[in-house]
Amino acid sequence: MKSIIDKLNKVFENRIRLGIMSLLMVNESLTFKALKGLLKVSDGNLASHISTLDKHGYISVEKKFVGNKPQTTYFASETGKSAFEEHLTALEEIIKGLH
C-alpha cells in the first residue's frame, strides 16, 4: 500500500507548475501571455515549466496566428486533469490526517 506522501505528484511540487495547472483547471484555456501575467514570471521560466507539463502529457498546446501575430494557447489535458485531481486529493488527505 502506498504511503500518503507517495500519492503526491512530483511534477506539481514546483509552485509555477502548480500555478499553471491550477489556472488551467478553472479556465478552459489560457494564452502564454495570460499565464505569464497571472503568474508574474519571465518568458523563459514559464516556457521551461510548460515544457515539463507538456512532456508529461498534462497540457495540450494550440498554436495559431491572430492577425499577423503568433498566439499559443494552453489547455489542461484529460491526463493532466486526472493527475492534478489525484494530487489535490492526496493533499486533502494529508491535511485531514486520513491514511
PDB file of N, CA and C in Angstrom:
ATOM      1  N   MET A   1       0.841  -1.190   0.000  1.00  0.00           N
ATOM      2  CA  MET A   1       0.000   0.000   0.000  1.00  0.00           C
ATOM      3  C   MET A   1       0.885   1.252   0.000  1.00  0.00           C
ATOM      4  N   LYS A   2       0.563   2.194  -0.872  1.00  0.00           N
ATOM      5  CA  LYS A   2       1.318   3.441  -0.963  1.00  0.00           C
ATOM      6  C   LYS A   2       1.106   4.287   0.283  1.00  0.00           C
ATOM      7  N   SER A   3       2.182   4.923   0.752  1.00  0.00           N
ATOM      8  CA  SER A   3       2.002   5.876   1.842  1.00  0.00           C
ATOM      9  C   SER A   3       1.362   7.139   1.248  1.00  0.00           C
ATOM     10  N   ILE A   4       0.740   7.900   2.085  1.00  0.00           N
ATOM     11  CA  ILE A   4       0.024   9.100   1.611  1.00  0.00           C
ATOM     12  C   ILE A   4       0.954  10.065   0.878  1.00  0.00           C
ATOM     13  N   ILE A   5       2.167  10.201   1.344  1.00  0.00           N
ATOM     14  CA  ILE A   5       3.104  11.132   0.721  1.00  0.00           C
ATOM     15  C   ILE A   5       3.492  10.663  -0.684  1.00  0.00           C
ATOM     16  N   ASP A   6       3.478   9.342  -0.908  1.00  0.00           N
ATOM     17  CA  ASP A   6       3.808   8.802  -2.230  1.00  0.00           C
ATOM     18  C   ASP A   6       2.719   9.084  -3.260  1.00  0.00           C
ATOM     19  N   LYS A   7       1.542   9.473  -2.800  1.00  0.00           N
ATOM     20  CA  LYS A   7       0.444   9.789  -3.721  1.00  0.00           C
ATOM     21  C   LYS A   7       0.590  11.184  -4.321  1.00  0.00           C
ATOM     22  N   LEU A   8       1.462  12.019  -3.740  1.00  0.00           N
ATOM     23  CA  LEU A   8       1.691  13.354  -4.284  1.00  0.00           C
ATOM     24  C   LEU A   8       2.477  13.236  -5.589  1.00  0.00           C
ATOM     25  N   ASN A   9       2.128  14.063  -6.560  1.00  0.00           N
ATOM     26  CA  ASN A   9       2.760  14.046  -7.871  1.00  0.00           C
ATOM     27  C   ASN A   9       3.929  15.027  -7.872  1.00  0.00           C
ATOM     28  N   LYS A  10       5.142  14.523  -8.081  1.00  0.00           N
ATOM     29  CA  LYS A  10       6.345  15.360  -8.042  1.00  0.00           C
ATOM     30  C   LYS A  10       6.313  16.487  -9.078  1.00  0.00           C
ATOM     31  N   VAL A  11       5.637  16.275 -10.186  1.00  0.00           N
ATOM     32  CA  VAL A  11       5.571  17.308 -11.219  1.00  0.00           C
ATOM     33  C   VAL A  11       4.911  18.577 -10.677  1.00  0.00           C
ATOM     34  N   PHE A  12       3.965  18.418  -9.758  1.00  0.00           N
ATOM     35  CA  PHE A  12       3.239  19.566  -9.231  1.00  0.00           C
ATOM     36  C   PHE A  12       3.875  20.153  -7.970  1.00  0.00           C
ATOM     37  N   GLU A  13       5.040  19.682  -7.573  1.00  0.00           N
ATOM     38  CA  GLU A  13       5.697  20.213  -6.385  1.00  0.00           C
ATOM     39  C   GLU A  13       6.239  21.617  -6.607  1.00  0.00           C
ATOM     40  N   ASN A  14       6.513  21.976  -7.849  1.00  0.00           N
ATOM     41  CA  ASN A  14       7.012  23.314  -8.156  1.00  0.00           C
ATOM     42  C   ASN A  14       5.858  24.302  -8.177  1.00  0.00           C
ATOM     43  N   ARG A  15       6.043  25.453  -7.554  1.00  0.00           N
ATOM     44  CA  ARG A  15       4.944  26.421  -7.430  1.00  0.00           C
ATOM     45  C   ARG A  15       4.468  26.971  -8.774  1.00  0.00           C
ATOM     46  N   ILE A  16       5.363  27.099  -9.746  1.00  0.00           N
ATOM     47  CA  ILE A  16       4.957  27.615 -11.054  1.00  0.00           C
ATOM     48  C   ILE A  16       4.093  26.574 -11.771  1.00  0.00           C
ATOM     49  N   ARG A  17       4.526  25.314 -11.772  1.00  0.00           N
ATOM     50  CA  ARG A  17       3.720  24.262 -12.416  1.00  0.00           C
ATOM     51  C   ARG A  17       2.391  24.078 -11.682  1.00  0.00           C
ATOM     52  N   LEU A  18       2.419  24.186 -10.367  1.00  0.00           N
ATOM     53  CA  LEU A  18       1.188  24.117  -9.579  1.00  0.00           C
ATOM     54  C   LEU A  18       0.253  25.261  -9.990  1.00  0.00           C
ATOM     55  N   GLY A  19       0.817  26.439 -10.167  1.00  0.00           N
ATOM     56  CA  GLY A  19       0.031  27.596 -10.593  1.00  0.00           C
ATOM     57  C   GLY A  19      -0.537  27.438 -11.990  1.00  0.00           C
ATOM     58  N   ILE A  20       0.279  26.942 -12.912  1.00  0.00           N
ATOM     59  CA  ILE A  20      -0.191  26.734 -14.290  1.00  0.00           C
ATOM     60  C   ILE A  20      -1.374  25.777 -14.295  1.00  0.00           C
ATOM     61  N   MET A  21      -1.213  24.641 -13.627  1.00  0.00           N
ATOM     62  CA  MET A  21      -2.288  23.647 -13.623  1.00  0.00           C
ATOM     63  C   MET A  21      -3.526  24.170 -12.902  1.00  0.00           C
ATOM     64  N   SER A  22      -3.340  24.878 -11.812  1.00  0.00           N
ATOM     65  CA  SER A  22      -4.491  25.443 -11.089  1.00  0.00           C
ATOM     66  C   SER A  22      -5.275  26.383 -11.991  1.00  0.00           C
ATOM     67  N   LEU A  23      -4.560  27.242 -12.709  1.00  0.00           N
ATOM     68  CA  LEU A  23      -5.223  28.189 -13.610  1.00  0.00           C
ATOM     69  C   LEU A  23      -5.924  27.473 -14.764  1.00  0.00           C
ATOM     70  N   LEU A  24      -5.283  26.428 -15.300  1.00  0.00           N
ATOM     71  CA  LEU A  24      -5.893  25.707 -16.414  1.00  0.00           C
ATOM     72  C   LEU A  24      -7.061  24.830 -15.973  1.00  0.00           C
ATOM     73  N   MET A  25      -7.114  24.487 -14.710  1.00  0.00           N
ATOM     74  CA  MET A  25      -8.238  23.689 -14.206  1.00  0.00           C
ATOM     75  C   MET A  25      -9.507  24.544 -14.078  1.00  0.00           C
ATOM     76  N   VAL A  26      -9.350  25.834 -13.846  1.00  0.00           N
ATOM     77  CA  VAL A  26     -10.519  26.702 -13.649  1.00  0.00           C
ATOM     78  C   VAL A  26     -10.816  27.582 -14.864  1.00  0.00           C
ATOM     79  N   ASN A  27      -9.974  27.499 -15.876  1.00  0.00           N
ATOM     80  CA  ASN A  27     -10.189  28.218 -17.136  1.00  0.00           C
ATOM     81  C   ASN A  27     -10.119  27.199 -18.267  1.00  0.00           C
ATOM     82  N   GLU A  28     -10.982  27.342 -19.237  1.00  0.00           N
ATOM     83  CA  GLU A  28     -10.976  26.400 -20.359  1.00  0.00           C
ATOM     84  C   GLU A  28      -9.617  26.398 -21.048  1.00  0.00           C
ATOM     85  N   SER A  29      -9.042  27.583 -21.216  1.00  0.00           N
ATOM     86  CA  SER A  29      -7.722  27.719 -21.827  1.00  0.00           C
ATOM     87  C   SER A  29      -7.155  29.075 -21.447  1.00  0.00           C
ATOM     88  N   LEU A  30      -5.840  29.193 -21.582  1.00  0.00           N
ATOM     89  CA  LEU A  30      -5.170  30.471 -21.350  1.00  0.00           C
ATOM     90  C   LEU A  30      -4.013  30.600 -22.332  1.00  0.00           C
ATOM     91  N   THR A  31      -3.754  31.814 -22.768  1.00  0.00           N
ATOM     92  CA  THR A  31      -2.629  32.067 -23.659  1.00  0.00           C
ATOM     93  C   THR A  31      -1.345  32.161 -22.835  1.00  0.00           C
ATOM     94  N   PHE A  32      -0.231  32.055 -23.546  1.00  0.00           N
ATOM     95  CA  PHE A  32       1.079  32.210 -22.910  1.00  0.00           C
ATOM     96  C   PHE A  32       1.147  33.563 -22.212  1.00  0.00           C
ATOM     97  N   LYS A  33       0.691  34.597 -22.907  1.00  0.00           N
ATOM     98  CA  LYS A  33       0.733  35.958 -22.366  1.00  0.00           C
ATOM     99  C   LYS A  33      -0.101  36.061 -21.079  1.00  0.00           C
ATOM    100  N   ALA A  34      -1.274  35.458 -21.076  1.00  0.00           N
ATOM    101  CA  ALA A  34      -2.136  35.497 -19.887  1.00  0.00           C
ATOM    102  C   ALA A  34      -1.484  34.766 -18.721  1.00  0.00           C
ATOM    103  N   LEU A  35      -0.935  33.564 -18.973  1.00  0.00           N
ATOM    104  CA  LEU A  35      -0.262  32.815 -17.914  1.00  0.00           C
ATOM    105  C   LEU A  35       0.922  33.599 -17.355  1.00  0.00           C
ATOM    106  N   LYS A  36       1.684  34.188 -18.247  1.00  0.00           N
ATOM    107  CA  LYS A  36       2.855  34.971 -17.830  1.00  0.00           C
ATOM    108  C   LYS A  36       2.433  36.123 -16.918  1.00  0.00           C
ATOM    109  N   GLY A  37       1.377  36.814 -17.288  1.00  0.00           N
ATOM    110  CA  GLY A  37       0.901  37.935 -16.491  1.00  0.00           C
ATOM    111  C   GLY A  37       0.323  37.502 -15.148  1.00  0.00           C
ATOM    112  N   LEU A  38      -0.461  36.434 -15.145  1.00  0.00           N
ATOM    113  CA  LEU A  38      -1.080  35.965 -13.909  1.00  0.00           C
ATOM    114  C   LEU A  38      -0.057  35.409 -12.924  1.00  0.00           C
ATOM    115  N   LEU A  39       0.960  34.725 -13.457  1.00  0.00           N
ATOM    116  CA  LEU A  39       1.962  34.103 -12.592  1.00  0.00           C
ATOM    117  C   LEU A  39       3.157  35.020 -12.305  1.00  0.00           C
ATOM    118  N   LYS A  40       3.250  36.103 -13.067  1.00  0.00           N
ATOM    119  CA  LYS A  40       4.332  37.078 -12.917  1.00  0.00           C
ATOM    120  C   LYS A  40       5.711  36.413 -13.002  1.00  0.00           C
ATOM    121  N   VAL A  41       5.920  35.717 -14.129  1.00  0.00           N
ATOM    122  CA  VAL A  41       7.186  35.037 -14.392  1.00  0.00           C
ATOM    123  C   VAL A  41       7.741  35.485 -15.743  1.00  0.00           C
ATOM    124  N   SER A  42       9.003  35.195 -15.966  1.00  0.00           N
ATOM    125  CA  SER A  42       9.626  35.548 -17.244  1.00  0.00           C
ATOM    126  C   SER A  42       9.210  34.563 -18.330  1.00  0.00           C
ATOM    127  N   ASP A  43       9.441  34.953 -19.577  1.00  0.00           N
ATOM    128  CA  ASP A  43       9.140  34.072 -20.710  1.00  0.00           C
ATOM    129  C   ASP A  43       9.866  32.735 -20.569  1.00  0.00           C
ATOM    130  N   GLY A  44      11.155  32.798 -20.285  1.00  0.00           N
ATOM    131  CA  GLY A  44      11.965  31.592 -20.192  1.00  0.00           C
ATOM    132  C   GLY A  44      11.533  30.678 -19.060  1.00  0.00           C
ATOM    133  N   ASN A  45      11.227  31.268 -17.911  1.00  0.00           N
ATOM    134  CA  ASN A  45      10.787  30.486 -16.755  1.00  0.00           C
ATOM    135  C   ASN A  45       9.471  29.782 -17.069  1.00  0.00           C
ATOM    136  N   LEU A  46       8.518  30.515 -17.630  1.00  0.00           N
ATOM    137  CA  LEU A  46       7.225  29.935 -17.970  1.00  0.00           C
ATOM    138  C   LEU A  46       7.387  28.845 -19.027  1.00  0.00           C
ATOM    139  N   ALA A  47       8.176  29.112 -20.049  1.00  0.00           N
ATOM    140  CA  ALA A  47       8.381  28.142 -21.127  1.00  0.00           C
ATOM    141  C   ALA A  47       8.981  26.842 -20.592  1.00  0.00           C
ATOM    142  N   SER A  48       9.904  26.951 -19.662  1.00  0.00           N
ATOM    143  CA  SER A  48      10.531  25.771 -19.073  1.00  0.00           C
ATOM    144  C   SER A  48       9.511  24.903 -18.333  1.00  0.00           C
ATOM    145  N   HIS A  49       8.649  25.525 -17.552  1.00  0.00           N
ATOM    146  CA  HIS A  49       7.652  24.779 -16.786  1.00  0.00           C
ATOM    147  C   HIS A  49       6.547  24.223 -17.692  1.00  0.00           C
ATOM    148  N   ILE A  50       6.180  24.970 -18.714  1.00  0.00           N
ATOM    149  CA  ILE A  50       5.201  24.476 -19.687  1.00  0.00           C
ATOM    150  C   ILE A  50       5.755  23.255 -20.403  1.00  0.00           C
ATOM    151  N   SER A  51       7.048  23.299 -20.731  1.00  0.00           N
ATOM    152  CA  SER A  51       7.690  22.171 -21.397  1.00  0.00           C
ATOM    153  C   SER A  51       7.617  20.906 -20.534  1.00  0.00           C
ATOM    154  N   THR A  52       7.832  21.045 -19.241  1.00  0.00           N
ATOM    155  CA  THR A  52       7.752  19.899 -18.331  1.00  0.00           C
ATOM    156  C   THR A  52       6.337  19.328 -18.304  1.00  0.00           C
ATOM    157  N   LEU A  53       5.348  20.199 -18.196  1.00  0.00           N
ATOM    158  CA  LEU A  53       3.954  19.739 -18.166  1.00  0.00           C
ATOM    159  C   LEU A  53       3.571  19.078 -19.489  1.00  0.00           C
ATOM    160  N   ASP A  54       4.046  19.650 -20.588  1.00  0.00           N
ATOM    161  CA  ASP A  54       3.762  19.096 -21.914  1.00  0.00           C
ATOM    162  C   ASP A  54       4.421  17.723 -22.069  1.00  0.00           C
ATOM    163  N   LYS A  55       5.655  17.593 -21.616  1.00  0.00           N
ATOM    164  CA  LYS A  55       6.392  16.332 -21.704  1.00  0.00           C
ATOM    165  C   LYS A  55       5.653  15.205 -20.980  1.00  0.00           C
ATOM    166  N   HIS A  56       4.981  15.531 -19.880  1.00  0.00           N
ATOM    167  CA  HIS A  56       4.227  14.534 -19.122  1.00  0.00           C
ATOM    168  C   HIS A  56       2.804  14.333 -19.663  1.00  0.00           C
ATOM    169  N   GLY A  57       2.438  15.104 -20.674  1.00  0.00           N
ATOM    170  CA  GLY A  57       1.111  14.971 -21.275  1.00  0.00           C
ATOM    171  C   GLY A  57       0.012  15.617 -20.449  1.00  0.00           C
ATOM    172  N   TYR A  58       0.377  16.541 -19.561  1.00  0.00           N
ATOM    173  CA  TYR A  58      -0.595  17.171 -18.674  1.00  0.00           C
ATOM    174  C   TYR A  58      -1.281  18.382 -19.289  1.00  0.00           C
ATOM    175  N   ILE A  59      -0.713  18.919 -20.358  1.00  0.00           N
ATOM    176  CA  ILE A  59      -1.335  20.052 -21.043  1.00  0.00           C
ATOM    177  C   ILE A  59      -1.362  19.790 -22.545  1.00  0.00           C
ATOM    178  N   SER A  60      -2.276  20.489 -23.217  1.00  0.00           N
ATOM    179  CA  SER A  60      -2.348  20.480 -24.675  1.00  0.00           C
ATOM    180  C   SER A  60      -2.020  21.881 -25.147  1.00  0.00           C
ATOM    181  N   VAL A  61      -1.419  21.971 -26.315  1.00  0.00           N
ATOM    182  CA  VAL A  61      -0.959  23.250 -26.838  1.00  0.00           C
ATOM    183  C   VAL A  61      -1.591  23.494 -28.203  1.00  0.00           C
ATOM    184  N   GLU A  62      -2.065  24.712 -28.409  1.00  0.00           N
ATOM    185  CA  GLU A  62      -2.599  25.114 -29.717  1.00  0.00           C
ATOM    186  C   GLU A  62      -1.857  26.364 -30.159  1.00  0.00           C
ATOM    187  N   LYS A  63      -1.257  26.306 -31.348  1.00  0.00           N
ATOM    188  CA  LYS A  63      -0.546  27.470 -31.896  1.00  0.00           C
ATOM    189  C   LYS A  63      -1.280  27.942 -33.136  1.00  0.00           C
ATOM    190  N   LYS A  64      -1.501  29.245 -33.198  1.00  0.00           N
ATOM    191  CA  LYS A  64      -2.171  29.821 -34.367  1.00  0.00           C
ATOM    192  C   LYS A  64      -1.735  31.274 -34.519  1.00  0.00           C
ATOM    193  N   PHE A  65      -2.147  31.866 -35.614  1.00  0.00           N
ATOM    194  CA  PHE A  65      -1.874  33.286 -35.840  1.00  0.00           C
ATOM    195  C   PHE A  65      -3.161  34.063 -35.640  1.00  0.00           C
ATOM    196  N   VAL A  66      -3.063  35.138 -34.901  1.00  0.00           N
ATOM    197  CA  VAL A  66      -4.170  36.069 -34.724  1.00  0.00           C
ATOM    198  C   VAL A  66      -3.705  37.356 -35.383  1.00  0.00           C
ATOM    199  N   GLY A  67      -4.326  37.652 -36.503  1.00  0.00           N
ATOM    200  CA  GLY A  67      -3.791  38.730 -37.328  1.00  0.00           C
ATOM    201  C   GLY A  67      -2.460  38.230 -37.881  1.00  0.00           C
ATOM    202  N   ASN A  68      -1.412  38.985 -37.684  1.00  0.00           N
ATOM    203  CA  ASN A  68      -0.077  38.562 -38.114  1.00  0.00           C
ATOM    204  C   ASN A  68       0.783  38.095 -36.950  1.00  0.00           C
ATOM    205  N   LYS A  69       0.189  37.966 -35.757  1.00  0.00           N
ATOM    206  CA  LYS A  69       0.965  37.616 -34.573  1.00  0.00           C
ATOM    207  C   LYS A  69       0.682  36.175 -34.140  1.00  0.00           C
ATOM    208  N   PRO A  70       1.755  35.448 -33.788  1.00  0.00           N
ATOM    209  CA  PRO A  70       1.544  34.090 -33.291  1.00  0.00           C
ATOM    210  C   PRO A  70       0.914  34.116 -31.898  1.00  0.00           C
ATOM    211  N   GLN A  71       0.037  33.168 -31.631  1.00  0.00           N
ATOM    212  CA  GLN A  71      -0.588  33.058 -30.317  1.00  0.00           C
ATOM    213  C   GLN A  71      -0.576  31.589 -29.897  1.00  0.00           C
ATOM    214  N   THR A  72      -0.062  31.332 -28.702  1.00  0.00           N
ATOM    215  CA  THR A  72      -0.019  29.978 -28.173  1.00  0.00           C
ATOM    216  C   THR A  72      -0.992  29.893 -27.011  1.00  0.00           C
ATOM    217  N   THR A  73      -1.864  28.901 -27.078  1.00  0.00           N
ATOM    218  CA  THR A  73      -2.895  28.708 -26.057  1.00  0.00           C
ATOM    219  C   THR A  73      -2.715  27.339 -25.439  1.00  0.00           C
ATOM    220  N   TYR A  74      -2.951  27.262 -24.137  1.00  0.00           N
ATOM    221  CA  TYR A  74      -2.763  26.016 -23.386  1.00  0.00           C
ATOM    222  C   TYR A  74      -4.071  25.561 -22.756  1.00  0.00           C
ATOM    223  N   PHE A  75      -4.211  24.249 -22.673  1.00  0.00           N
ATOM    224  CA  PHE A  75      -5.387  23.609 -22.085  1.00  0.00           C
ATOM    225  C   PHE A  75      -4.886  22.500 -21.159  1.00  0.00           C
ATOM    226  N   ALA A  76      -5.610  22.212 -20.101  1.00  0.00           N
ATOM    227  CA  ALA A  76      -5.302  21.029 -19.285  1.00  0.00           C
ATOM    228  C   ALA A  76      -5.834  19.815 -20.047  1.00  0.00           C
ATOM    229  N   SER A  77      -4.983  18.827 -20.276  1.00  0.00           N
ATOM    230  CA  SER A  77      -5.415  17.606 -20.960  1.00  0.00           C
ATOM    231  C   SER A  77      -6.208  16.734 -19.979  1.00  0.00           C
ATOM    232  N   GLU A  78      -6.881  15.731 -20.498  1.00  0.00           N
ATOM    233  CA  GLU A  78      -7.622  14.815 -19.618  1.00  0.00           C
ATOM    234  C   GLU A  78      -6.660  14.119 -18.660  1.00  0.00           C
ATOM    235  N   THR A  79      -5.487  13.741 -19.166  1.00  0.00           N
ATOM    236  CA  THR A  79      -4.460  13.126 -18.319  1.00  0.00           C
ATOM    237  C   THR A  79      -4.028  14.096 -17.230  1.00  0.00           C
ATOM    238  N   GLY A  80      -3.824  15.356 -17.609  1.00  0.00           N
ATOM    239  CA  GLY A  80      -3.414  16.383 -16.653  1.00  0.00           C
ATOM    240  C   GLY A  80      -4.475  16.645 -15.603  1.00  0.00           C
ATOM    241  N   LYS A  81      -5.730  16.712 -16.037  1.00  0.00           N
ATOM    242  CA  LYS A  81      -6.828  16.938 -15.096  1.00  0.00           C
ATOM    243  C   LYS A  81      -6.895  15.815 -14.071  1.00  0.00           C
ATOM    244  N   SER A  82      -6.784  14.603 -14.548  1.00  0.00           N
ATOM    245  CA  SER A  82      -6.849  13.435 -13.666  1.00  0.00           C
ATOM    246  C   SER A  82      -5.677  13.425 -12.679  1.00  0.00           C
ATOM    247  N   ALA A  83      -4.469  13.657 -13.193  1.00  0.00           N
ATOM    248  CA  ALA A  83      -3.279  13.672 -12.337  1.00  0.00           C
ATOM    249  C   ALA A  83      -3.358  14.787 -11.303  1.00  0.00           C
ATOM    250  N   PHE A  84      -3.847  15.948 -11.704  1.00  0.00           N
ATOM    251  CA  PHE A  84      -3.939  17.084 -10.781  1.00  0.00           C
ATOM    252  C   PHE A  84      -4.993  16.819  -9.709  1.00  0.00           C
ATOM    253  N   GLU A  85      -6.115  16.241 -10.093  1.00  0.00           N
ATOM    254  CA  GLU A  85      -7.157  15.915  -9.119  1.00  0.00           C
ATOM    255  C   GLU A  85      -6.651  14.882  -8.109  1.00  0.00           C
ATOM    256  N   GLU A  86      -5.884  13.902  -8.567  1.00  0.00           N
ATOM    257  CA  GLU A  86      -5.291  12.917  -7.658  1.00  0.00           C
ATOM    258  C   GLU A  86      -4.326  13.591  -6.688  1.00  0.00           C
ATOM    259  N   HIS A  87      -3.545  14.539  -7.198  1.00  0.00           N
ATOM    260  CA  HIS A  87      -2.600  15.289  -6.368  1.00  0.00           C
ATOM    261  C   HIS A  87      -3.358  16.080  -5.292  1.00  0.00           C
ATOM    262  N   LEU A  88      -4.415  16.754  -5.699  1.00  0.00           N
ATOM    263  CA  LEU A  88      -5.205  17.537  -4.737  1.00  0.00           C
ATOM    264  C   LEU A  88      -5.874  16.642  -3.702  1.00  0.00           C
ATOM    265  N   THR A  89      -6.346  15.493  -4.127  1.00  0.00           N
ATOM    266  CA  THR A  89      -6.954  14.539  -3.196  1.00  0.00           C
ATOM    267  C   THR A  89      -5.934  14.085  -2.155  1.00  0.00           C
ATOM    268  N   ALA A  90      -4.715  13.805  -2.596  1.00  0.00           N
ATOM    269  CA  ALA A  90      -3.657  13.399  -1.665  1.00  0.00           C
ATOM    270  C   ALA A  90      -3.344  14.522  -0.677  1.00  0.00           C
ATOM    271  N   LEU A  91      -3.301  15.762  -1.171  1.00  0.00           N
ATOM    272  CA  LEU A  91      -3.074  16.902  -0.267  1.00  0.00           C
ATOM    273  C   LEU A  91      -4.177  17.014   0.766  1.00  0.00           C
ATOM    274  N   GLU A  92      -5.423  16.848   0.326  1.00  0.00           N
ATOM    275  CA  GLU A  92      -6.553  16.915   1.246  1.00  0.00           C
ATOM    276  C   GLU A  92      -6.461  15.821   2.299  1.00  0.00           C
ATOM    277  N   GLU A  93      -6.055  14.624   1.879  1.00  0.00           N
ATOM    278  CA  GLU A  93      -5.909  13.519   2.829  1.00  0.00           C
ATOM    279  C   GLU A  93      -4.852  13.834   3.878  1.00  0.00           C
ATOM    280  N   ILE A  94      -3.759  14.433   3.441  1.00  0.00           N
ATOM    281  CA  ILE A  94      -2.701  14.813   4.384  1.00  0.00           C
ATOM    282  C   ILE A  94      -3.211  15.861   5.353  1.00  0.00           C
ATOM    283  N   ILE A  95      -3.903  16.860   4.841  1.00  0.00           N
ATOM    284  CA  ILE A  95      -4.416  17.943   5.680  1.00  0.00           C
ATOM    285  C   ILE A  95      -5.412  17.411   6.692  1.00  0.00           C
ATOM    286  N   LYS A  96      -6.274  16.512   6.256  1.00  0.00           N
ATOM    287  CA  LYS A  96      -7.296  15.963   7.139  1.00  0.00           C
ATOM    288  C   LYS A  96      -6.761  14.848   8.031  1.00  0.00           C
ATOM    289  N   GLY A  97      -5.543  14.413   7.760  1.00  0.00           N
ATOM    290  CA  GLY A  97      -4.954  13.349   8.561  1.00  0.00           C
ATOM    291  C   GLY A  97      -5.495  11.979   8.258  1.00  0.00           C
ATOM    292  N   LEU A  98      -6.003  11.802   7.033  1.00  0.00           N
ATOM    293  CA  LEU A  98      -6.533  10.498   6.624  1.00  0.00           C
ATOM    294  C   LEU A  98      -5.411   9.615   6.124  1.00  0.00           C
ATOM    295  N   HIS A  99      -5.505   8.332   6.361  1.00  0.00           N
ATOM    296  CA  HIS A  99      -4.484   7.407   5.868  1.00  0.00           C
ATOM    297  C   HIS A  99      -5.160   6.333   5.118  1.00  0.00           C
TER     298      HIS A  99
END
